[in-house]
Amino acid sequence: MNRNLKFTVLALLGLSLPMFAQQPGQATYNAKCAMCHGSDGTGNTPVGRAMKLHSFKSPEDVKIPDAELFKDTKDGIGKMHGYAGKLTDAQIHDLVAYIRALQK
């Protein structure tokens, strides 16, 4: 492959990478939350259905203040265990922001 073609291919790849970049909190959400809450936040998973989870897109969940989502994630709520000591406060804030992105 000639040098100009290599440069062009690398430049195009570099321009396309931001389109595939994850949002802050997405990797943590996928690793810790998606199993129950689903990749789209609707709770439409076997575990989510068994636990009767609300969709993050439900009007009730959309209205929950960020501080409450943070607290629920950190301390746990219902059958969900808390992530205090497992995730940093910054990671939890990123999760809350990612949940908000899923709600749109």
C-alpha atoms as a PDB file:
ATOM      1  CA  MET A   1       0.000   0.000   0.000  1.00  0.00           C
ATOM      2  CA  ASN A   2       1.503   3.321  -0.917  1.00  0.00           C
ATOM      3  CA  ARG A   3       2.130   5.961   1.693  1.00  0.00           C
ATOM      4  CA  ASN A   4      -0.628   8.358   0.536  1.00  0.00           C
ATOM      5  CA  LEU A   5      -3.235   5.630   0.606  1.00  0.00           C
ATOM      6  CA  LYS A   6      -2.144   4.579   4.111  1.00  0.00           C
ATOM      7  CA  PHE A   7      -2.407   8.188   5.270  1.00  0.00           C
ATOM      8  CA  THR A   8      -5.875   8.544   3.740  1.00  0.00           C
ATOM      9  CA  VAL A   9      -7.118   5.336   5.355  1.00  0.00           C
ATOM     10  CA  LEU A  10      -5.725   6.339   8.755  1.00  0.00           C
ATOM     11  CA  ALA A  11      -7.206   9.830   8.455  1.00  0.00           C
ATOM     12  CA  LEU A  12     -10.636   8.432   7.626  1.00  0.00           C
ATOM     13  CA  LEU A  13     -10.456   6.015  10.536  1.00  0.00           C
ATOM     14  CA  GLY A  14      -9.469   8.835  12.831  1.00  0.00           C
ATOM     15  CA  LEU A  15     -12.434  10.899  11.714  1.00  0.00           C
ATOM     16  CA  SER A  16     -14.860   8.034  12.255  1.00  0.00           C
ATOM     17  CA  LEU A  17     -13.672   7.047  15.742  1.00  0.00           C
ATOM     18  CA  PRO A  18     -15.528   9.832  17.579  1.00  0.00           C
ATOM     19  CA  MET A  19     -18.768   8.460  16.129  1.00  0.00           C
ATOM     20  CA  PHE A  20     -18.096   5.195  17.946  1.00  0.00           C
ATOM     21  CA  ALA A  21     -16.753   6.679  21.175  1.00  0.00           C
ATOM     22  CA  GLN A  22     -18.675   5.728  24.268  1.00  0.00           C
ATOM     23  CA  GLN A  23     -20.265   8.313  26.469  1.00  0.00           C
ATOM     24  CA  PRO A  24     -18.935   8.616  29.999  1.00  0.00           C
ATOM     25  CA  GLY A  25     -20.735   6.040  32.101  1.00  0.00           C
ATOM     26  CA  GLN A  26     -21.660   3.799  29.179  1.00  0.00           C
ATOM     27  CA  ALA A  27     -18.981   1.165  29.806  1.00  0.00           C
ATOM     28  CA  THR A  28     -19.839   1.053  33.507  1.00  0.00           C
ATOM     29  CA  TYR A  29     -23.560   0.867  32.681  1.00  0.00           C
ATOM     30  CA  ASN A  30     -22.951  -1.996  30.256  1.00  0.00           C
ATOM     31  CA  ALA A  31     -20.864  -3.869  32.826  1.00  0.00           C
ATOM     32  CA  LYS A  32     -22.951  -3.243  35.954  1.00  0.00           C
ATOM     33  CA  CYS A  33     -26.493  -2.259  34.964  1.00  0.00           C
ATOM     34  CA  ALA A  34     -27.489  -3.581  31.540  1.00  0.00           C
ATOM     35  CA  MET A  35     -27.932  -7.160  32.756  1.00  0.00           C
ATOM     36  CA  CYS A  36     -31.046  -6.080  34.663  1.00  0.00           C
ATOM     37  CA  HIS A  37     -31.994  -2.694  33.216  1.00  0.00           C
ATOM     38  CA  GLY A  38     -31.278  -3.620  29.592  1.00  0.00           C
ATOM     39  CA  SER A  39     -28.940  -1.922  27.161  1.00  0.00           C
ATOM     40  CA  ASP A  40     -31.661   0.644  26.407  1.00  0.00           C
ATOM     41  CA  GLY A  41     -32.767   1.167  30.031  1.00  0.00           C
ATOM     42  CA  THR A  42     -36.238  -0.288  29.564  1.00  0.00           C
ATOM     43  CA  GLY A  43     -35.712  -3.209  31.973  1.00  0.00           C
ATOM     44  CA  ASN A  44     -36.797  -5.610  29.254  1.00  0.00           C
ATOM     45  CA  THR A  45     -34.490  -8.428  30.329  1.00  0.00           C
ATOM     46  CA  PRO A  46     -35.307 -11.716  32.077  1.00  0.00           C
ATOM     47  CA  VAL A  47     -34.005 -10.315  35.368  1.00  0.00           C
ATOM     48  CA  GLY A  48     -35.658  -6.937  34.818  1.00  0.00           C
ATOM     49  CA  ARG A  49     -39.025  -8.529  34.095  1.00  0.00           C
ATOM     50  CA  ALA A  50     -38.720 -10.877  37.091  1.00  0.00           C
ATOM     51  CA  MET A  51     -37.919  -7.912  39.350  1.00  0.00           C
ATOM     52  CA  LYS A  52     -40.637  -5.780  37.711  1.00  0.00           C
ATOM     53  CA  LEU A  53     -38.206  -2.945  37.014  1.00  0.00           C
ATOM     54  CA  HIS A  54     -39.514   0.341  35.678  1.00  0.00           C
ATOM     55  CA  SER A  55     -38.163   1.585  32.407  1.00  0.00           C
ATOM     56  CA  PHE A  56     -35.808   4.517  32.853  1.00  0.00           C
ATOM     57  CA  LYS A  57     -37.940   6.072  30.100  1.00  0.00           C
ATOM     58  CA  SER A  58     -41.129   5.924  32.170  1.00  0.00           C
ATOM     59  CA  PRO A  59     -42.557   9.323  33.166  1.00  0.00           C
ATOM     60  CA  GLU A  60     -41.983   8.457  36.847  1.00  0.00           C
ATOM     61  CA  ASP A  61     -38.301   7.675  36.329  1.00  0.00           C
ATOM     62  CA  VAL A  62     -37.693  10.684  34.079  1.00  0.00           C
ATOM     63  CA  LYS A  63     -38.910  12.922  36.933  1.00  0.00           C
ATOM     64  CA  ILE A  64     -36.517  11.444  39.516  1.00  0.00           C
ATOM     65  CA  PRO A  65     -33.917  14.067  40.448  1.00  0.00           C
ATOM     66  CA  ASP A  66     -30.273  13.303  39.650  1.00  0.00           C
ATOM     67  CA  ALA A  67     -29.438  13.373  43.368  1.00  0.00           C
ATOM     68  CA  GLU A  68     -31.950  10.600  44.026  1.00  0.00           C
ATOM     69  CA  LEU A  69     -30.640   8.456  41.154  1.00  0.00           C
ATOM     70  CA  PHE A  70     -27.147   8.977  42.549  1.00  0.00           C
ATOM     71  CA  LYS A  71     -28.246   7.965  46.067  1.00  0.00           C
ATOM     72  CA  ASP A  72     -30.181   4.922  44.832  1.00  0.00           C
ATOM     73  CA  THR A  73     -27.190   3.762  42.801  1.00  0.00           C
ATOM     74  CA  LYS A  74     -24.750   4.323  45.635  1.00  0.00           C
ATOM     75  CA  ASP A  75     -26.848   2.950  48.511  1.00  0.00           C
ATOM     76  CA  GLY A  76     -29.108   0.545  46.644  1.00  0.00           C
ATOM     77  CA  ILE A  77     -32.883   0.451  46.474  1.00  0.00           C
ATOM     78  CA  GLY A  78     -35.307  -2.434  46.687  1.00  0.00           C
ATOM     79  CA  LYS A  79     -33.555  -5.591  45.515  1.00  0.00           C
ATOM     80  CA  MET A  80     -30.746  -3.642  43.837  1.00  0.00           C
ATOM     81  CA  HIS A  81     -27.558  -3.623  45.877  1.00  0.00           C
ATOM     82  CA  GLY A  82     -25.635  -0.404  46.242  1.00  0.00           C
ATOM     83  CA  TYR A  83     -22.367   0.378  44.530  1.00  0.00           C
ATOM     84  CA  ALA A  84     -20.741   2.334  47.373  1.00  0.00           C
ATOM     85  CA  GLY A  85     -17.157   1.144  47.599  1.00  0.00           C
ATOM     86  CA  LYS A  86     -17.422  -0.536  44.193  1.00  0.00           C
ATOM     87  CA  LEU A  87     -17.789   2.594  42.071  1.00  0.00           C
ATOM     88  CA  THR A  88     -16.423   6.057  42.723  1.00  0.00           C
ATOM     89  CA  ASP A  89     -18.737   9.022  43.090  1.00  0.00           C
ATOM     90  CA  ALA A  90     -17.481  10.235  39.700  1.00  0.00           C
ATOM     91  CA  GLN A  91     -18.405   6.899  38.086  1.00  0.00           C
ATOM     92  CA  ILE A  92     -21.874   7.078  39.635  1.00  0.00           C
ATOM     93  CA  HIS A  93     -22.324  10.651  38.372  1.00  0.00           C
ATOM     94  CA  ASP A  94     -21.328   9.411  34.906  1.00  0.00           C
ATOM     95  CA  LEU A  95     -23.893   6.593  35.227  1.00  0.00           C
ATOM     96  CA  VAL A  96     -26.621   9.081  36.094  1.00  0.00           C
ATOM     97  CA  ALA A  97     -25.659  11.184  33.065  1.00  0.00           C
ATOM     98  CA  TYR A  98     -25.742   8.079  30.868  1.00  0.00           C
ATOM     99  CA  ILE A  99     -29.179   7.112  32.220  1.00  0.00           C
ATOM    100  CA  ARG A 100     -30.359  10.614  31.299  1.00  0.00           C
ATOM    101  CA  ALA A 101     -29.011  10.068  27.780  1.00  0.00           C
ATOM    102  CA  LEU A 102     -30.961   6.787  27.554  1.00  0.00           C
ATOM    103  CA  GLN A 103     -34.130   8.635  28.547  1.00  0.00           C
ATOM    104  CA  LYS A 104     -33.982  10.848  25.452  1.00  0.00           C
END
